[in-house]
């Protein structure tokens, strides 16, 4: 169970960090008109490394704390295995909804309504 929890923490940390760095990338790319492409690319690469490493470390700590607290709650309410399963599904549904919105500007309800109406 410990390895499973670590895997969940790692996956959620990576997905959350990617979202945060994606937002940073959007902001940075919107400002690149002031620079030549080579300068903007080099600056972007340096900024991504300088930001990604601490953001990932910080996100991993926060994610670990949130997941452990959530797992404790669901374990006490639904049992150990079922609690972990429910919490894992909830976390990934939330992340799925955020990614779906960012990449396709759609909500889960829109997508499921469209799928059910076919």
PDB file of N, CA and C in Angstrom:
ATOM      1  N   UNK A   1       0.820  -1.196   0.000  1.00  0.00           N
ATOM      2  CA  UNK A   1       0.000   0.000   0.000  1.00  0.00           C
ATOM      3  C   UNK A   1       0.871   1.269   0.000  1.00  0.00           C
ATOM      4  N   UNK A   2       2.025   1.190   0.651  1.00  0.00           N
ATOM      5  CA  UNK A   2       2.927   2.341   0.724  1.00  0.00           C
ATOM      6  C   UNK A   2       3.455   2.701  -0.667  1.00  0.00           C
ATOM      7  N   UNK A   3       3.814   1.697  -1.464  1.00  0.00           N
ATOM      8  CA  UNK A   3       4.318   1.955  -2.815  1.00  0.00           C
ATOM      9  C   UNK A   3       3.220   2.562  -3.683  1.00  0.00           C
ATOM     10  N   UNK A   4       2.010   2.088  -3.507  1.00  0.00           N
ATOM     11  CA  UNK A   4       0.876   2.622  -4.262  1.00  0.00           C
ATOM     12  C   UNK A   4       0.651   4.096  -3.917  1.00  0.00           C
ATOM     13  N   UNK A   5       0.707   4.407  -2.635  1.00  0.00           N
ATOM     14  CA  UNK A   5       0.541   5.794  -2.192  1.00  0.00           C
ATOM     15  C   UNK A   5       1.643   6.675  -2.754  1.00  0.00           C
ATOM     16  N   UNK A   6       2.883   6.211  -2.727  1.00  0.00           N
ATOM     17  CA  UNK A   6       4.003   6.977  -3.296  1.00  0.00           C
ATOM     18  C   UNK A   6       3.794   7.200  -4.800  1.00  0.00           C
ATOM     19  N   UNK A   7       3.296   6.171  -5.487  1.00  0.00           N
ATOM     20  CA  UNK A   7       3.050   6.308  -6.923  1.00  0.00           C
ATOM     21  C   UNK A   7       1.971   7.354  -7.194  1.00  0.00           C
ATOM     22  N   UNK A   8       0.925   7.345  -6.395  1.00  0.00           N
ATOM     23  CA  UNK A   8      -0.138   8.340  -6.552  1.00  0.00           C
ATOM     24  C   UNK A   8       0.413   9.738  -6.311  1.00  0.00           C
ATOM     25  N   UNK A   9       1.183   9.893  -5.244  1.00  0.00           N
ATOM     26  CA  UNK A   9       1.770  11.196  -4.927  1.00  0.00           C
ATOM     27  C   UNK A   9       2.649  11.676  -6.078  1.00  0.00           C
ATOM     28  N   UNK A  10       3.452  10.789  -6.623  1.00  0.00           N
ATOM     29  CA  UNK A  10       4.330  11.161  -7.724  1.00  0.00           C
ATOM     30  C   UNK A  10       3.526  11.577  -8.951  1.00  0.00           C
ATOM     31  N   UNK A  11       2.518  10.781  -9.329  1.00  0.00           N
ATOM     32  CA  UNK A  11       1.717  11.100 -10.514  1.00  0.00           C
ATOM     33  C   UNK A  11       0.980  12.426 -10.353  1.00  0.00           C
ATOM     34  N   UNK A  12       0.365  12.624  -9.209  1.00  0.00           N
ATOM     35  CA  UNK A  12      -0.371  13.869  -8.980  1.00  0.00           C
ATOM     36  C   UNK A  12       0.592  15.055  -8.958  1.00  0.00           C
ATOM     37  N   UNK A  13       1.757  14.882  -8.378  1.00  0.00           N
ATOM     38  CA  UNK A  13       2.764  15.952  -8.356  1.00  0.00           C
ATOM     39  C   UNK A  13       3.200  16.325  -9.766  1.00  0.00           C
ATOM     40  N   UNK A  14       3.468  15.340 -10.585  1.00  0.00           N
ATOM     41  CA  UNK A  14       3.895  15.607 -11.960  1.00  0.00           C
ATOM     42  C   UNK A  14       2.784  16.323 -12.739  1.00  0.00           C
ATOM     43  N   UNK A  15       1.566  15.827 -12.630  1.00  0.00           N
ATOM     44  CA  UNK A  15       0.456  16.445 -13.357  1.00  0.00           C
ATOM     45  C   UNK A  15       0.186  17.874 -12.881  1.00  0.00           C
ATOM     46  N   UNK A  16       0.247  18.096 -11.592  1.00  0.00           N
ATOM     47  CA  UNK A  16       0.023  19.437 -11.047  1.00  0.00           C
ATOM     48  C   UNK A  16       1.150  20.385 -11.437  1.00  0.00           C
ATOM     49  N   UNK A  17       2.375  19.910 -11.363  1.00  0.00           N
ATOM     50  CA  UNK A  17       3.520  20.744 -11.742  1.00  0.00           C
ATOM     51  C   UNK A  17       3.452  21.109 -13.216  1.00  0.00           C
ATOM     52  N   UNK A  18       3.042  20.161 -14.043  1.00  0.00           N
ATOM     53  CA  UNK A  18       2.916  20.446 -15.475  1.00  0.00           C
ATOM     54  C   UNK A  18       1.885  21.546 -15.712  1.00  0.00           C
ATOM     55  N   UNK A  19       0.769  21.493 -14.984  1.00  0.00           N
ATOM     56  CA  UNK A  19      -0.239  22.551 -15.114  1.00  0.00           C
ATOM     57  C   UNK A  19       0.338  23.911 -14.733  1.00  0.00           C
ATOM     58  N   UNK A  20       1.051  23.965 -13.628  1.00  0.00           N
ATOM     59  CA  UNK A  20       1.623  25.228 -13.172  1.00  0.00           C
ATOM     60  C   UNK A  20       2.667  25.761 -14.142  1.00  0.00           C
ATOM     61  N   UNK A  21       3.537  24.895 -14.637  1.00  0.00           N
ATOM     62  CA  UNK A  21       4.554  25.355 -15.585  1.00  0.00           C
ATOM     63  C   UNK A  21       3.916  25.722 -16.927  1.00  0.00           C
ATOM     64  N   UNK A  22       2.811  25.065 -17.274  1.00  0.00           N
ATOM     65  CA  UNK A  22       2.090  25.429 -18.494  1.00  0.00           C
ATOM     66  C   UNK A  22       1.534  26.843 -18.415  1.00  0.00           C
ATOM     67  N   UNK A  23       1.003  27.190 -17.251  1.00  0.00           N
ATOM     68  CA  UNK A  23       0.516  28.560 -17.056  1.00  0.00           C
ATOM     69  C   UNK A  23       1.654  29.565 -17.169  1.00  0.00           C
ATOM     70  N   UNK A  24       2.786  29.221 -16.580  1.00  0.00           N
ATOM     71  CA  UNK A  24       3.959  30.086 -16.668  1.00  0.00           C
ATOM     72  C   UNK A  24       4.418  30.221 -18.116  1.00  0.00           C
ATOM     73  N   UNK A  25       4.416  29.113 -18.836  1.00  0.00           N
ATOM     74  CA  UNK A  25       4.833  29.130 -20.241  1.00  0.00           C
ATOM     75  C   UNK A  25       3.931  30.042 -21.064  1.00  0.00           C
ATOM     76  N   UNK A  26       2.627  29.958 -20.835  1.00  0.00           N
ATOM     77  CA  UNK A  26       1.692  30.826 -21.562  1.00  0.00           C
ATOM     78  C   UNK A  26       2.000  32.295 -21.309  1.00  0.00           C
ATOM     79  N   UNK A  27       2.211  32.633 -20.037  1.00  0.00           N
ATOM     80  CA  UNK A  27       2.521  34.024 -19.698  1.00  0.00           C
ATOM     81  C   UNK A  27       3.820  34.468 -20.361  1.00  0.00           C
ATOM     82  N   UNK A  28       4.832  33.601 -20.311  1.00  0.00           N
ATOM     83  CA  UNK A  28       6.126  33.943 -20.867  1.00  0.00           C
ATOM     84  C   UNK A  28       6.036  34.095 -22.386  1.00  0.00           C
ATOM     85  N   UNK A  29       5.347  33.169 -23.051  1.00  0.00           N
ATOM     86  CA  UNK A  29       5.257  33.233 -24.513  1.00  0.00           C
ATOM     87  C   UNK A  29       4.464  34.443 -24.985  1.00  0.00           C
ATOM     88  N   UNK A  30       3.551  34.914 -24.165  1.00  0.00           N
ATOM     89  CA  UNK A  30       2.800  36.108 -24.558  1.00  0.00           C
ATOM     90  C   UNK A  30       3.679  37.359 -24.515  1.00  0.00           C
ATOM     91  N   UNK A  31       4.822  37.279 -23.863  1.00  0.00           N
ATOM     92  CA  UNK A  31       5.736  38.418 -23.744  1.00  0.00           C
ATOM     93  C   UNK A  31       6.929  38.328 -24.697  1.00  0.00           C
ATOM     94  N   UNK A  32       6.969  37.319 -25.554  1.00  0.00           N
ATOM     95  CA  UNK A  32       8.169  37.095 -26.371  1.00  0.00           C
ATOM     96  C   UNK A  32       8.311  38.033 -27.556  1.00  0.00           C
ATOM     97  N   UNK A  33       7.302  38.816 -27.870  1.00  0.00           N
ATOM     98  CA  UNK A  33       7.435  39.728 -29.009  1.00  0.00           C
ATOM     99  C   UNK A  33       8.574  40.723 -28.801  1.00  0.00           C
ATOM    100  N   UNK A  34       8.926  40.969 -27.556  1.00  0.00           N
ATOM    101  CA  UNK A  34       9.988  41.932 -27.248  1.00  0.00           C
ATOM    102  C   UNK A  34      11.380  41.369 -27.521  1.00  0.00           C
ATOM    103  N   UNK A  35      11.484  40.073 -27.737  1.00  0.00           N
ATOM    104  CA  UNK A  35      12.795  39.437 -27.928  1.00  0.00           C
ATOM    105  C   UNK A  35      12.857  38.733 -29.272  1.00  0.00           C
ATOM    106  N   UNK A  36      14.083  38.516 -29.739  1.00  0.00           N
ATOM    107  CA  UNK A  36      14.278  37.686 -30.928  1.00  0.00           C
ATOM    108  C   UNK A  36      13.999  36.240 -30.548  1.00  0.00           C
ATOM    109  N   UNK A  37      13.638  35.392 -31.508  1.00  0.00           N
ATOM    110  CA  UNK A  37      13.306  33.992 -31.184  1.00  0.00           C
ATOM    111  C   UNK A  37      14.419  33.255 -30.441  1.00  0.00           C
ATOM    112  N   UNK A  38      15.677  33.460 -30.817  1.00  0.00           N
ATOM    113  CA  UNK A  38      16.774  32.763 -30.139  1.00  0.00           C
ATOM    114  C   UNK A  38      16.877  33.220 -28.686  1.00  0.00           C
ATOM    115  N   UNK A  39      16.808  34.524 -28.454  1.00  0.00           N
ATOM    116  CA  UNK A  39      16.882  35.060 -27.096  1.00  0.00           C
ATOM    117  C   UNK A  39      15.694  34.596 -26.274  1.00  0.00           C
ATOM    118  N   UNK A  40      14.503  34.670 -26.852  1.00  0.00           N
ATOM    119  CA  UNK A  40      13.294  34.251 -26.136  1.00  0.00           C
ATOM    120  C   UNK A  40      13.355  32.766 -25.796  1.00  0.00           C
ATOM    121  N   UNK A  41      13.860  31.942 -26.714  1.00  0.00           N
ATOM    122  CA  UNK A  41      13.963  30.503 -26.466  1.00  0.00           C
ATOM    123  C   UNK A  41      14.948  30.213 -25.340  1.00  0.00           C
ATOM    124  N   UNK A  42      16.108  30.829 -25.402  1.00  0.00           N
ATOM    125  CA  UNK A  42      17.105  30.621 -24.344  1.00  0.00           C
ATOM    126  C   UNK A  42      16.585  31.093 -22.984  1.00  0.00           C
ATOM    127  N   UNK A  43      15.980  32.268 -22.960  1.00  0.00           N
ATOM    128  CA  UNK A  43      15.402  32.769 -21.712  1.00  0.00           C
ATOM    129  C   UNK A  43      14.313  31.823 -21.198  1.00  0.00           C
ATOM    130  N   UNK A  44      13.473  31.374 -22.098  1.00  0.00           N
ATOM    131  CA  UNK A  44      12.404  30.451 -21.720  1.00  0.00           C
ATOM    132  C   UNK A  44      12.930  29.162 -21.127  1.00  0.00           C
ATOM    133  N   UNK A  45      13.953  28.606 -21.744  1.00  0.00           N
ATOM    134  CA  UNK A  45      14.524  27.355 -21.239  1.00  0.00           C
ATOM    135  C   UNK A  45      15.121  27.548 -19.849  1.00  0.00           C
ATOM    136  N   UNK A  46      15.829  28.654 -19.647  1.00  0.00           N
ATOM    137  CA  UNK A  46      16.425  28.931 -18.337  1.00  0.00           C
ATOM    138  C   UNK A  46      15.329  29.136 -17.293  1.00  0.00           C
ATOM    139  N   UNK A  47      14.321  29.900 -17.644  1.00  0.00           N
ATOM    140  CA  UNK A  47      13.224  30.162 -16.698  1.00  0.00           C
ATOM    141  C   UNK A  47      12.498  28.873 -16.342  1.00  0.00           C
ATOM    142  N   UNK A  48      12.243  28.018 -17.323  1.00  0.00           N
ATOM    143  CA  UNK A  48      11.540  26.761 -17.057  1.00  0.00           C
ATOM    144  C   UNK A  48      12.326  25.906 -16.067  1.00  0.00           C
ATOM    145  N   UNK A  49      13.637  25.782 -16.278  1.00  0.00           N
ATOM    146  CA  UNK A  49      14.453  24.989 -15.349  1.00  0.00           C
ATOM    147  C   UNK A  49      14.473  25.634 -13.971  1.00  0.00           C
ATOM    148  N   UNK A  50      14.648  26.949 -13.931  1.00  0.00           N
ATOM    149  CA  UNK A  50      14.718  27.640 -12.642  1.00  0.00           C
ATOM    150  C   UNK A  50      13.390  27.568 -11.887  1.00  0.00           C
ATOM    151  N   UNK A  51      12.298  27.492 -12.605  1.00  0.00           N
ATOM    152  CA  UNK A  51      10.985  27.455 -11.963  1.00  0.00           C
ATOM    153  C   UNK A  51      10.520  26.021 -11.732  1.00  0.00           C
ATOM    154  N   UNK A  52      10.741  25.139 -12.705  1.00  0.00           N
ATOM    155  CA  UNK A  52      10.194  23.786 -12.622  1.00  0.00           C
ATOM    156  C   UNK A  52      10.724  23.015 -11.422  1.00  0.00           C
ATOM    157  N   UNK A  53      12.010  23.080 -11.167  1.00  0.00           N
ATOM    158  CA  UNK A  53      12.601  22.297 -10.078  1.00  0.00           C
ATOM    159  C   UNK A  53      12.011  22.696  -8.720  1.00  0.00           C
ATOM    160  N   UNK A  54      12.028  23.985  -8.342  1.00  0.00           N
ATOM    161  CA  UNK A  54      11.427  24.316  -7.045  1.00  0.00           C
ATOM    162  C   UNK A  54       9.911  24.098  -7.018  1.00  0.00           C
ATOM    163  N   UNK A  55       9.235  24.384  -8.129  1.00  0.00           N
ATOM    164  CA  UNK A  55       7.776  24.185  -8.164  1.00  0.00           C
ATOM    165  C   UNK A  55       7.457  22.707  -7.979  1.00  0.00           C
ATOM    166  N   UNK A  56       8.213  21.831  -8.637  1.00  0.00           N
ATOM    167  CA  UNK A  56       7.977  20.400  -8.491  1.00  0.00           C
ATOM    168  C   UNK A  56       8.195  19.963  -7.045  1.00  0.00           C
ATOM    169  N   UNK A  57       9.278  20.430  -6.441  1.00  0.00           N
ATOM    170  CA  UNK A  57       9.565  20.050  -5.051  1.00  0.00           C
ATOM    171  C   UNK A  57       8.466  20.554  -4.122  1.00  0.00           C
ATOM    172  N   UNK A  58       8.052  21.791  -4.303  1.00  0.00           N
ATOM    173  CA  UNK A  58       6.999  22.374  -3.471  1.00  0.00           C
ATOM    174  C   UNK A  58       5.667  21.665  -3.703  1.00  0.00           C
ATOM    175  N   UNK A  59       5.341  21.432  -4.963  1.00  0.00           N
ATOM    176  CA  UNK A  59       4.093  20.748  -5.310  1.00  0.00           C
ATOM    177  C   UNK A  59       4.071  19.343  -4.732  1.00  0.00           C
ATOM    178  N   UNK A  60       5.209  18.659  -4.781  1.00  0.00           N
ATOM    179  CA  UNK A  60       5.261  17.295  -4.255  1.00  0.00           C
ATOM    180  C   UNK A  60       4.979  17.284  -2.751  1.00  0.00           C
ATOM    181  N   UNK A  61       5.539  18.258  -2.029  1.00  0.00           N
ATOM    182  CA  UNK A  61       5.285  18.322  -0.575  1.00  0.00           C
ATOM    183  C   UNK A  61       3.823  18.607  -0.278  1.00  0.00           C
ATOM    184  N   UNK A  62       3.254  19.555  -0.998  1.00  0.00           N
ATOM    185  CA  UNK A  62       1.836  19.887  -0.783  1.00  0.00           C
ATOM    186  C   UNK A  62       0.958  18.701  -1.170  1.00  0.00           C
ATOM    187  N   UNK A  63       1.247  18.102  -2.314  1.00  0.00           N
ATOM    188  CA  UNK A  63       0.472  16.956  -2.777  1.00  0.00           C
ATOM    189  C   UNK A  63       0.537  15.827  -1.769  1.00  0.00           C
ATOM    190  N   UNK A  64       1.713  15.556  -1.262  1.00  0.00           N
ATOM    191  CA  UNK A  64       1.877  14.486  -0.284  1.00  0.00           C
ATOM    192  C   UNK A  64       1.041  14.756   0.963  1.00  0.00           C
ATOM    193  N   UNK A  65       1.063  15.987   1.447  1.00  0.00           N
ATOM    194  CA  UNK A  65       0.276  16.330   2.637  1.00  0.00           C
ATOM    195  C   UNK A  65      -1.220  16.198   2.374  1.00  0.00           C
ATOM    196  N   UNK A  66      -1.670  16.694   1.227  1.00  0.00           N
ATOM    197  CA  UNK A  66      -3.098  16.628   0.895  1.00  0.00           C
ATOM    198  C   UNK A  66      -3.540  15.182   0.710  1.00  0.00           C
ATOM    199  N   UNK A  67      -2.744  14.411  -0.009  1.00  0.00           N
ATOM    200  CA  UNK A  67      -3.116  13.014  -0.256  1.00  0.00           C
ATOM    201  C   UNK A  67      -3.133  12.215   1.038  1.00  0.00           C
ATOM    202  N   UNK A  68      -2.139  12.418   1.880  1.00  0.00           N
ATOM    203  CA  UNK A  68      -2.117  11.678   3.149  1.00  0.00           C
ATOM    204  C   UNK A  68      -3.314  12.048   4.014  1.00  0.00           C
ATOM    205  N   UNK A  69      -3.652  13.328   4.064  1.00  0.00           N
ATOM    206  CA  UNK A  69      -4.818  13.751   4.848  1.00  0.00           C
ATOM    207  C   UNK A  69      -6.098  13.175   4.253  1.00  0.00           C
ATOM    208  N   UNK A  70      -6.207  13.233   2.937  1.00  0.00           N
ATOM    209  CA  UNK A  70      -7.389  12.682   2.271  1.00  0.00           C
ATOM    210  C   UNK A  70      -7.507  11.181   2.447  1.00  0.00           C
ATOM    211  N   UNK A  71      -6.376  10.500   2.362  1.00  0.00           N
ATOM    212  CA  UNK A  71      -6.390   9.045   2.553  1.00  0.00           C
ATOM    213  C   UNK A  71      -6.802   8.681   3.974  1.00  0.00           C
ATOM    214  N   UNK A  72      -6.353   9.445   4.944  1.00  0.00           N
ATOM    215  CA  UNK A  72      -6.755   9.182   6.327  1.00  0.00           C
ATOM    216  C   UNK A  72      -8.260   9.341   6.485  1.00  0.00           C
ATOM    217  N   UNK A  73      -8.806  10.384   5.865  1.00  0.00           N
ATOM    218  CA  UNK A  73     -10.249  10.617   5.937  1.00  0.00           C
ATOM    219  C   UNK A  73     -11.035   9.480   5.293  1.00  0.00           C
ATOM    220  N   UNK A  74     -10.629   9.106   4.069  1.00  0.00           N
ATOM    221  CA  UNK A  74     -11.391   8.078   3.363  1.00  0.00           C
ATOM    222  C   UNK A  74     -11.180   6.705   3.982  1.00  0.00           C
ATOM    223  N   UNK A  75      -9.992   6.447   4.521  1.00  0.00           N
ATOM    224  CA  UNK A  75      -9.746   5.157   5.180  1.00  0.00           C
ATOM    225  C   UNK A  75     -10.656   4.999   6.380  1.00  0.00           C
ATOM    226  N   UNK A  76     -10.785   6.065   7.172  1.00  0.00           N
ATOM    227  CA  UNK A  76     -11.595   5.963   8.383  1.00  0.00           C
ATOM    228  C   UNK A  76     -13.075   5.855   8.046  1.00  0.00           C
ATOM    229  N   UNK A  77     -13.492   6.429   6.929  1.00  0.00           N
ATOM    230  CA  UNK A  77     -14.910   6.401   6.574  1.00  0.00           C
ATOM    231  C   UNK A  77     -15.321   5.217   5.732  1.00  0.00           C
ATOM    232  N   UNK A  78     -14.454   4.760   4.839  1.00  0.00           N
ATOM    233  CA  UNK A  78     -14.857   3.728   3.886  1.00  0.00           C
ATOM    234  C   UNK A  78     -14.020   2.462   3.973  1.00  0.00           C
ATOM    235  N   UNK A  79     -13.092   2.401   4.878  1.00  0.00           N
ATOM    236  CA  UNK A  79     -12.203   1.248   4.941  1.00  0.00           C
ATOM    237  C   UNK A  79     -10.939   1.532   4.161  1.00  0.00           C
ATOM    238  N   UNK A  80      -9.896   0.800   4.451  1.00  0.00           N
ATOM    239  CA  UNK A  80      -8.569   1.093   3.897  1.00  0.00           C
ATOM    240  C   UNK A  80      -8.515   1.011   2.370  1.00  0.00           C
ATOM    241  N   UNK A  81      -8.847  -0.133   1.808  1.00  0.00           N
ATOM    242  CA  UNK A  81      -8.722  -0.325   0.354  1.00  0.00           C
ATOM    243  C   UNK A  81      -9.741   0.520  -0.403  1.00  0.00           C
ATOM    244  N   UNK A  82     -10.989   0.465   0.019  1.00  0.00           N
ATOM    245  CA  UNK A  82     -12.039   1.237  -0.652  1.00  0.00           C
ATOM    246  C   UNK A  82     -11.767   2.733  -0.527  1.00  0.00           C
ATOM    247  N   UNK A  83     -11.290   3.171   0.640  1.00  0.00           N
ATOM    248  CA  UNK A  83     -10.976   4.583   0.849  1.00  0.00           C
ATOM    249  C   UNK A  83      -9.895   5.073  -0.090  1.00  0.00           C
ATOM    250  N   UNK A  84      -8.843   4.286  -0.235  1.00  0.00           N
ATOM    251  CA  UNK A  84      -7.753   4.654  -1.146  1.00  0.00           C
ATOM    252  C   UNK A  84      -8.272   4.707  -2.588  1.00  0.00           C
ATOM    253  N   UNK A  85      -9.079   3.735  -2.965  1.00  0.00           N
ATOM    254  CA  UNK A  85      -9.627   3.698  -4.327  1.00  0.00           C
ATOM    255  C   UNK A  85     -10.511   4.921  -4.592  1.00  0.00           C
ATOM    256  N   UNK A  86     -11.379   5.242  -3.657  1.00  0.00           N
ATOM    257  CA  UNK A  86     -12.275   6.394  -3.834  1.00  0.00           C
ATOM    258  C   UNK A  86     -11.478   7.685  -3.921  1.00  0.00           C
ATOM    259  N   UNK A  87     -10.529   7.857  -3.018  1.00  0.00           N
ATOM    260  CA  UNK A  87      -9.726   9.078  -3.025  1.00  0.00           C
ATOM    261  C   UNK A  87      -8.920   9.205  -4.310  1.00  0.00           C
ATOM    262  N   UNK A  88      -8.339   8.115  -4.775  1.00  0.00           N
ATOM    263  CA  UNK A  88      -7.557   8.129  -6.011  1.00  0.00           C
ATOM    264  C   UNK A  88      -8.425   8.538  -7.195  1.00  0.00           C
ATOM    265  N   UNK A  89      -9.614   7.965  -7.271  1.00  0.00           N
ATOM    266  CA  UNK A  89     -10.531   8.311  -8.362  1.00  0.00           C
ATOM    267  C   UNK A  89     -10.903   9.794  -8.299  1.00  0.00           C
ATOM    268  N   UNK A  90     -11.202  10.292  -7.111  1.00  0.00           N
ATOM    269  CA  UNK A  90     -11.578  11.705  -6.954  1.00  0.00           C
ATOM    270  C   UNK A  90     -10.448  12.622  -7.419  1.00  0.00           C
ATOM    271  N   UNK A  91      -9.225  12.332  -6.984  1.00  0.00           N
ATOM    272  CA  UNK A  91      -8.077  13.169  -7.368  1.00  0.00           C
ATOM    273  C   UNK A  91      -7.889  13.178  -8.883  1.00  0.00           C
ATOM    274  N   UNK A  92      -7.954  11.995  -9.510  1.00  0.00           N
ATOM    275  CA  UNK A  92      -7.722  11.937 -10.947  1.00  0.00           C
ATOM    276  C   UNK A  92      -8.881  12.511 -11.748  1.00  0.00           C
ATOM    277  N   UNK A  93     -10.092  12.445 -11.242  1.00  0.00           N
ATOM    278  CA  UNK A  93     -11.224  13.092 -11.919  1.00  0.00           C
ATOM    279  C   UNK A  93     -11.043  14.607 -11.885  1.00  0.00           C
ATOM    280  N   UNK A  94     -10.606  15.131 -10.751  1.00  0.00           N
ATOM    281  CA  UNK A  94     -10.356  16.576 -10.647  1.00  0.00           C
ATOM    282  C   UNK A  94      -9.262  16.996 -11.626  1.00  0.00           C
ATOM    283  N   UNK A  95      -8.149  16.265 -11.641  1.00  0.00           N
ATOM    284  CA  UNK A  95      -7.068  16.594 -12.576  1.00  0.00           C
ATOM    285  C   UNK A  95      -7.522  16.440 -14.026  1.00  0.00           C
ATOM    286  N   UNK A  96      -8.290  15.401 -14.316  1.00  0.00           N
ATOM    287  CA  UNK A  96      -8.824  15.196 -15.666  1.00  0.00           C
ATOM    288  C   UNK A  96      -9.673  16.391 -16.083  1.00  0.00           C
ATOM    289  N   UNK A  97     -10.520  16.864 -15.180  1.00  0.00           N
ATOM    290  CA  UNK A  97     -11.383  18.003 -15.484  1.00  0.00           C
ATOM    291  C   UNK A  97     -10.557  19.261 -15.768  1.00  0.00           C
ATOM    292  N   UNK A  98      -9.512  19.465 -14.990  1.00  0.00           N
ATOM    293  CA  UNK A  98      -8.660  20.641 -15.204  1.00  0.00           C
ATOM    294  C   UNK A  98      -7.941  20.554 -16.545  1.00  0.00           C
ATOM    295  N   UNK A  99      -7.364  19.396 -16.846  1.00  0.00           N
ATOM    296  CA  UNK A  99      -6.678  19.220 -18.134  1.00  0.00           C
ATOM    297  C   UNK A  99      -7.650  19.347 -19.304  1.00  0.00           C
ATOM    298  N   UNK A 100      -8.824  18.761 -19.199  1.00  0.00           N
ATOM    299  CA  UNK A 100      -9.829  18.841 -20.260  1.00  0.00           C
ATOM    300  C   UNK A 100     -10.203  20.292 -20.526  1.00  0.00           C
ATOM    301  N   UNK A 101     -10.353  21.058 -19.468  1.00  0.00           N
ATOM    302  CA  UNK A 101     -10.685  22.464 -19.610  1.00  0.00           C
ATOM    303  C   UNK A 101      -9.537  23.253 -20.219  1.00  0.00           C
ATOM    304  N   UNK A 102      -8.311  23.004 -19.777  1.00  0.00           N
ATOM    305  CA  UNK A 102      -7.149  23.746 -20.289  1.00  0.00           C
ATOM    306  C   UNK A 102      -6.861  23.405 -21.748  1.00  0.00           C
ATOM    307  N   UNK A 103      -6.932  22.127 -22.106  1.00  0.00           N
ATOM    308  CA  UNK A 103      -6.551  21.712 -23.453  1.00  0.00           C
ATOM    309  C   UNK A 103      -7.667  21.899 -24.476  1.00  0.00           C
ATOM    310  N   UNK A 104      -8.909  21.670 -24.073  1.00  0.00           N
ATOM    311  CA  UNK A 104     -10.007  21.699 -25.041  1.00  0.00           C
ATOM    312  C   UNK A 104     -11.095  22.705 -24.697  1.00  0.00           C
ATOM    313  N   UNK A 105     -10.920  23.449 -23.601  1.00  0.00           N
ATOM    314  CA  UNK A 105     -11.894  24.435 -23.151  1.00  0.00           C
ATOM    315  C   UNK A 105     -13.293  23.816 -23.022  1.00  0.00           C
ATOM    316  N   UNK A 106     -13.338  22.618 -22.460  1.00  0.00           N
ATOM    317  CA  UNK A 106     -14.600  21.903 -22.251  1.00  0.00           C
ATOM    318  C   UNK A 106     -14.663  21.413 -20.810  1.00  0.00           C
ATOM    319  N   UNK A 107     -15.892  21.258 -20.333  1.00  0.00           N
ATOM    320  CA  UNK A 107     -16.081  20.694 -19.004  1.00  0.00           C
ATOM    321  C   UNK A 107     -16.411  19.206 -19.136  1.00  0.00           C
ATOM    322  N   UNK A 108     -16.266  18.497 -18.032  1.00  0.00           N
ATOM    323  CA  UNK A 108     -16.599  17.071 -18.034  1.00  0.00           C
ATOM    324  C   UNK A 108     -18.068  16.873 -18.393  1.00  0.00           C
ATOM    325  N   UNK A 109     -18.927  17.736 -17.867  1.00  0.00           N
ATOM    326  CA  UNK A 109     -20.364  17.609 -18.160  1.00  0.00           C
ATOM    327  C   UNK A 109     -20.645  17.759 -19.651  1.00  0.00           C
ATOM    328  N   UNK A 110     -19.994  18.715 -20.307  1.00  0.00           N
ATOM    329  CA  UNK A 110     -20.166  18.895 -21.744  1.00  0.00           C
ATOM    330  C   UNK A 110     -19.781  17.630 -22.510  1.00  0.00           C
ATOM    331  N   UNK A 111     -18.627  17.071 -22.160  1.00  0.00           N
ATOM    332  CA  UNK A 111     -18.118  15.906 -22.866  1.00  0.00           C
ATOM    333  C   UNK A 111     -19.030  14.694 -22.643  1.00  0.00           C
ATOM    334  N   UNK A 112     -19.441  14.473 -21.405  1.00  0.00           N
ATOM    335  CA  UNK A 112     -20.315  13.334 -21.134  1.00  0.00           C
ATOM    336  C   UNK A 112     -21.703  13.510 -21.727  1.00  0.00           C
ATOM    337  N   UNK A 113     -22.236  14.720 -21.710  1.00  0.00           N
ATOM    338  CA  UNK A 113     -23.530  14.970 -22.347  1.00  0.00           C
ATOM    339  C   UNK A 113     -23.451  14.715 -23.842  1.00  0.00           C
ATOM    340  N   UNK A 114     -22.360  15.158 -24.470  1.00  0.00           N
ATOM    341  CA  UNK A 114     -22.174  14.940 -25.915  1.00  0.00           C
ATOM    342  C   UNK A 114     -22.041  13.456 -26.211  1.00  0.00           C
ATOM    343  N   UNK A 115     -21.310  12.716 -25.346  1.00  0.00           N
ATOM    344  CA  UNK A 115     -21.122  11.273 -25.554  1.00  0.00           C
ATOM    345  C   UNK A 115     -22.435  10.525 -25.356  1.00  0.00           C
ATOM    346  N   UNK A 116     -23.238  10.934 -24.403  1.00  0.00           N
ATOM    347  CA  UNK A 116     -24.501  10.247 -24.136  1.00  0.00           C
ATOM    348  C   UNK A 116     -25.552  10.554 -25.186  1.00  0.00           C
ATOM    349  N   UNK A 117     -25.466  11.716 -25.820  1.00  0.00           N
ATOM    350  CA  UNK A 117     -26.465  12.086 -26.817  1.00  0.00           C
ATOM    351  C   UNK A 117     -26.211  11.442 -28.175  1.00  0.00           C
ATOM    352  N   UNK A 118     -25.069  10.797 -28.348  1.00  0.00           N
ATOM    353  CA  UNK A 118     -24.769  10.143 -29.631  1.00  0.00           C
ATOM    354  C   UNK A 118     -25.389   8.787 -29.717  1.00  0.00           C
TER     355      UNK A 118
END
